[in-house]
Protein backbone atom coordinates (compact mmCIF):
# COMPACT_ATOMS: atom_id res chain seq x y z
CA MET A 1 1.57 -15.61 -28.56
CA SER A 2 0.91 -15.13 -24.85
CA ALA A 3 0.03 -11.84 -23.20
CA THR A 4 3.52 -11.86 -21.66
CA SER A 5 5.05 -12.05 -25.12
CA ASN A 6 2.92 -9.12 -26.25
CA TYR A 7 4.30 -6.97 -23.42
CA VAL A 8 7.87 -8.04 -24.15
CA VAL A 9 7.42 -7.03 -27.81
CA ALA A 10 5.79 -3.72 -26.81
CA GLY A 11 8.65 -2.99 -24.41
CA ARG A 12 11.23 -3.69 -27.08
CA LEU A 13 9.40 -1.42 -29.55
CA ILE A 14 9.47 1.38 -26.96
CA GLU A 15 13.22 0.88 -26.61
CA LEU A 16 13.82 0.93 -30.36
CA VAL A 17 11.65 3.98 -31.04
CA SER A 18 12.78 6.01 -28.01
CA GLY A 19 16.44 5.00 -28.00
CA LEU A 20 16.16 4.38 -24.23
CA ASP A 21 16.11 1.17 -22.25
CA TYR A 22 12.60 0.36 -21.00
CA GLY A 23 13.30 1.23 -17.36
CA THR A 24 14.74 4.65 -18.25
CA TYR A 25 11.82 5.34 -20.56
CA LEU A 26 9.31 4.53 -17.81
CA ARG A 27 11.17 6.63 -15.27
CA ARG A 28 11.33 9.70 -17.54
CA HIS A 29 7.93 9.45 -19.23
CA VAL A 30 5.67 7.79 -16.64
CA PHE A 31 7.10 7.61 -13.13
CA GLU A 32 8.57 11.13 -12.86
CA PRO A 33 5.66 12.96 -14.55
CA LEU A 34 3.21 11.22 -12.22
CA GLY A 35 5.35 11.75 -9.11
CA MET A 36 5.80 8.00 -8.61
CA ALA A 37 8.78 8.47 -6.30
CA THR A 38 9.64 4.83 -5.58
CA ALA A 39 8.50 3.04 -8.76
CA THR A 40 11.36 1.28 -10.50
CA THR A 41 12.37 -1.51 -12.82
CA ASP A 42 15.70 -1.97 -11.02
CA ARG A 43 15.83 -4.68 -8.37
CA ALA A 44 18.52 -3.00 -6.23
CA THR A 45 16.50 0.22 -6.14
CA ALA A 46 13.34 -1.72 -5.32
CA HIS A 47 15.11 -3.34 -2.35
CA ALA A 48 16.34 0.06 -1.16
CA GLU A 49 12.74 1.31 -1.34
CA GLY A 50 11.42 -1.59 0.74
CA LEU A 51 10.65 -4.46 -1.64
CA SER A 52 9.45 -7.30 0.57
CA GLN A 53 10.17 -10.99 0.43
CA ALA A 54 8.05 -13.03 -1.96
CA HIS A 55 5.96 -16.01 -0.94
CA ARG A 56 4.89 -19.23 -2.62
CA LEU A 57 2.55 -21.81 -1.21
CA TRP A 58 4.17 -25.20 -0.73
CA PHE A 59 1.66 -27.77 0.54
CA GLY A 60 -0.41 -24.90 1.90
CA ILE A 61 2.48 -23.21 3.73
CA ALA A 62 3.82 -19.87 2.51
CA ASP A 63 7.60 -19.79 2.35
CA ALA A 64 9.50 -16.49 2.17
CA ARG A 65 12.09 -16.10 -0.55
CA GLU A 66 13.88 -13.52 -2.63
CA PRO A 67 11.48 -12.28 -5.34
CA LEU A 68 12.07 -13.63 -8.81
CA ASP A 69 14.11 -11.18 -10.89
CA ARG A 70 13.76 -11.27 -14.67
CA PRO A 71 15.35 -8.17 -16.25
CA ASP A 72 14.49 -9.65 -19.66
CA LEU A 73 10.77 -9.50 -18.76
CA VAL A 74 10.59 -6.04 -17.17
CA SER A 75 7.99 -4.85 -19.66
CA ALA A 76 5.87 -7.91 -18.89
CA GLY A 77 5.48 -7.03 -15.24
CA PHE A 78 8.73 -6.85 -13.30
CA ILE A 79 8.09 -3.32 -12.06
CA ALA A 80 8.07 -2.44 -8.36
CA ALA A 81 5.81 0.32 -7.04
CA SER A 82 4.49 1.38 -3.66
CA ALA A 83 0.82 1.80 -2.80
CA ASN A 84 1.28 5.59 -3.08
CA ASP A 85 2.82 5.21 -6.53
CA MET A 86 -0.03 2.96 -7.64
CA ALA A 87 -2.55 5.54 -6.40
CA ARG A 88 -0.89 8.18 -8.59
CA TYR A 89 -0.91 5.78 -11.55
CA LEU A 90 -4.61 5.00 -11.11
CA ILE A 91 -5.48 8.70 -10.76
CA ALA A 92 -3.75 9.28 -14.11
CA GLN A 93 -5.56 6.28 -15.63
CA LEU A 94 -8.85 7.88 -14.55
CA GLY A 95 -7.86 11.07 -16.37
CA GLY A 96 -6.65 12.98 -13.32
CA THR A 97 -3.65 15.22 -13.52
CA PRO A 98 -0.46 14.72 -11.56
CA VAL A 99 0.15 16.93 -8.56
CA ILE A 100 3.49 18.04 -10.00
CA ARG A 101 3.27 21.53 -11.45
CA GLY A 102 4.35 22.14 -15.02
CA ILE A 103 4.36 18.48 -16.03
CA GLN A 104 1.79 17.21 -18.48
CA PRO A 105 0.11 13.82 -17.97
CA PRO A 106 1.89 11.12 -19.97
CA ILE A 107 -1.26 10.18 -21.92
CA SER A 108 -4.17 12.14 -23.33
CA ALA A 109 -7.87 11.56 -22.67
CA PRO A 110 -8.35 10.02 -26.15
CA GLY A 111 -5.33 7.79 -25.49
CA LEU A 112 -6.84 6.61 -22.20
CA ALA A 113 -10.15 5.87 -23.92
CA ALA A 114 -8.34 3.83 -26.57
CA MET A 115 -6.51 1.86 -23.86
CA HIS A 116 -9.61 1.15 -21.79
CA ASP A 117 -12.22 0.48 -24.48
CA GLY A 118 -12.22 -3.27 -24.96
CA VAL A 119 -12.50 -4.34 -28.57
CA VAL A 120 -11.80 -8.09 -28.54
CA PRO A 121 -14.20 -10.43 -26.71
CA THR A 122 -12.42 -12.61 -24.15
CA GLY A 123 -15.09 -15.30 -24.18
CA LEU A 124 -15.95 -14.63 -20.53
CA GLY A 125 -19.32 -12.91 -20.21
CA ASP A 126 -19.28 -9.38 -21.57
CA GLN A 127 -15.51 -8.95 -21.09
CA ARG A 128 -13.54 -7.35 -23.91
CA TYR A 129 -9.79 -6.83 -24.08
CA GLY A 130 -8.33 -3.45 -24.97
CA LEU A 131 -4.74 -2.28 -24.84
CA GLY A 132 -3.73 -4.12 -21.68
CA TRP A 133 -7.07 -3.63 -19.93
CA VAL A 134 -10.19 -5.79 -19.62
CA ASP A 135 -13.40 -3.81 -20.11
CA ALA A 136 -16.49 -5.39 -18.51
CA THR A 137 -19.47 -4.73 -16.30
CA MET A 138 -20.06 -5.86 -12.75
CA ASP A 139 -23.64 -5.58 -11.50
CA GLY A 140 -24.32 -3.15 -14.34
CA VAL A 141 -21.32 -0.93 -13.55
CA ARG A 142 -18.43 -0.57 -16.01
CA VAL A 143 -15.14 -1.83 -14.58
CA VAL A 144 -11.81 -1.66 -16.40
CA SER A 145 -9.11 -3.89 -14.91
CA HIS A 146 -5.67 -5.35 -15.39
CA THR A 147 -4.15 -8.28 -13.54
CA GLY A 148 -0.69 -9.71 -13.63
CA SER A 149 1.59 -12.04 -11.75
CA THR A 150 5.00 -13.58 -11.61
CA THR A 151 5.61 -16.88 -9.89
CA ASP A 152 5.63 -15.15 -6.51
CA MET A 153 4.08 -11.66 -6.77
CA ALA A 154 0.75 -10.45 -8.16
CA ALA A 155 -1.15 -7.22 -8.75
CA VAL A 156 -4.68 -6.21 -9.64
CA ALA A 157 -5.69 -2.73 -10.76
CA ALA A 158 -9.35 -1.89 -11.26
CA LEU A 159 -10.98 1.34 -12.39
CA VAL A 160 -14.63 2.39 -12.20
CA PRO A 161 -14.48 5.20 -14.77
CA GLY A 162 -18.02 6.45 -14.17
CA SER A 163 -17.30 7.16 -10.51
CA GLY A 164 -13.61 8.05 -10.57
CA VAL A 165 -12.73 5.11 -8.31
CA GLY A 166 -9.55 3.11 -8.70
CA VAL A 167 -8.30 0.21 -6.58
CA ALA A 168 -4.92 -1.52 -6.59
CA VAL A 169 -4.11 -4.72 -4.73
CA LEU A 170 -0.44 -5.73 -4.52
CA LEU A 171 0.39 -9.23 -3.28
CA ASN A 172 3.67 -10.85 -2.31
């Protein structure tokens, strides 16, 4: 089973257990608690919030096109978020608390550790896969990262837990 299939199954389990569709669950339990004001799983909302055209290289030339939309694969990566939203997400992944008063972070410190601690070797150097995150070292520094892409968009999120640094790169 591919990593994409794993996320599709996980998304469906969330729907069955919560009784909510995946997008609604994310909005209520992740996006709103973290103050991710523009993050969405809905394409129309993403366009209203400024979703850009996608690009694919064709003989070395990038052509602009409407981004691929796969509502059936939302849990495998069809989520739109701004740079500000990603910053809030990475702060939470580093154990920071949301700026919104009275709202608890969506995941506990032990839950974050379980997500980030790689347990399965990937076969590439010292990399180990955890719950959606690759745990490795770079020049002796621990880096926890997640990458993903569709046919025309890509994202990289990297955390340096020991320093509290998080970086997100969003590509169209």
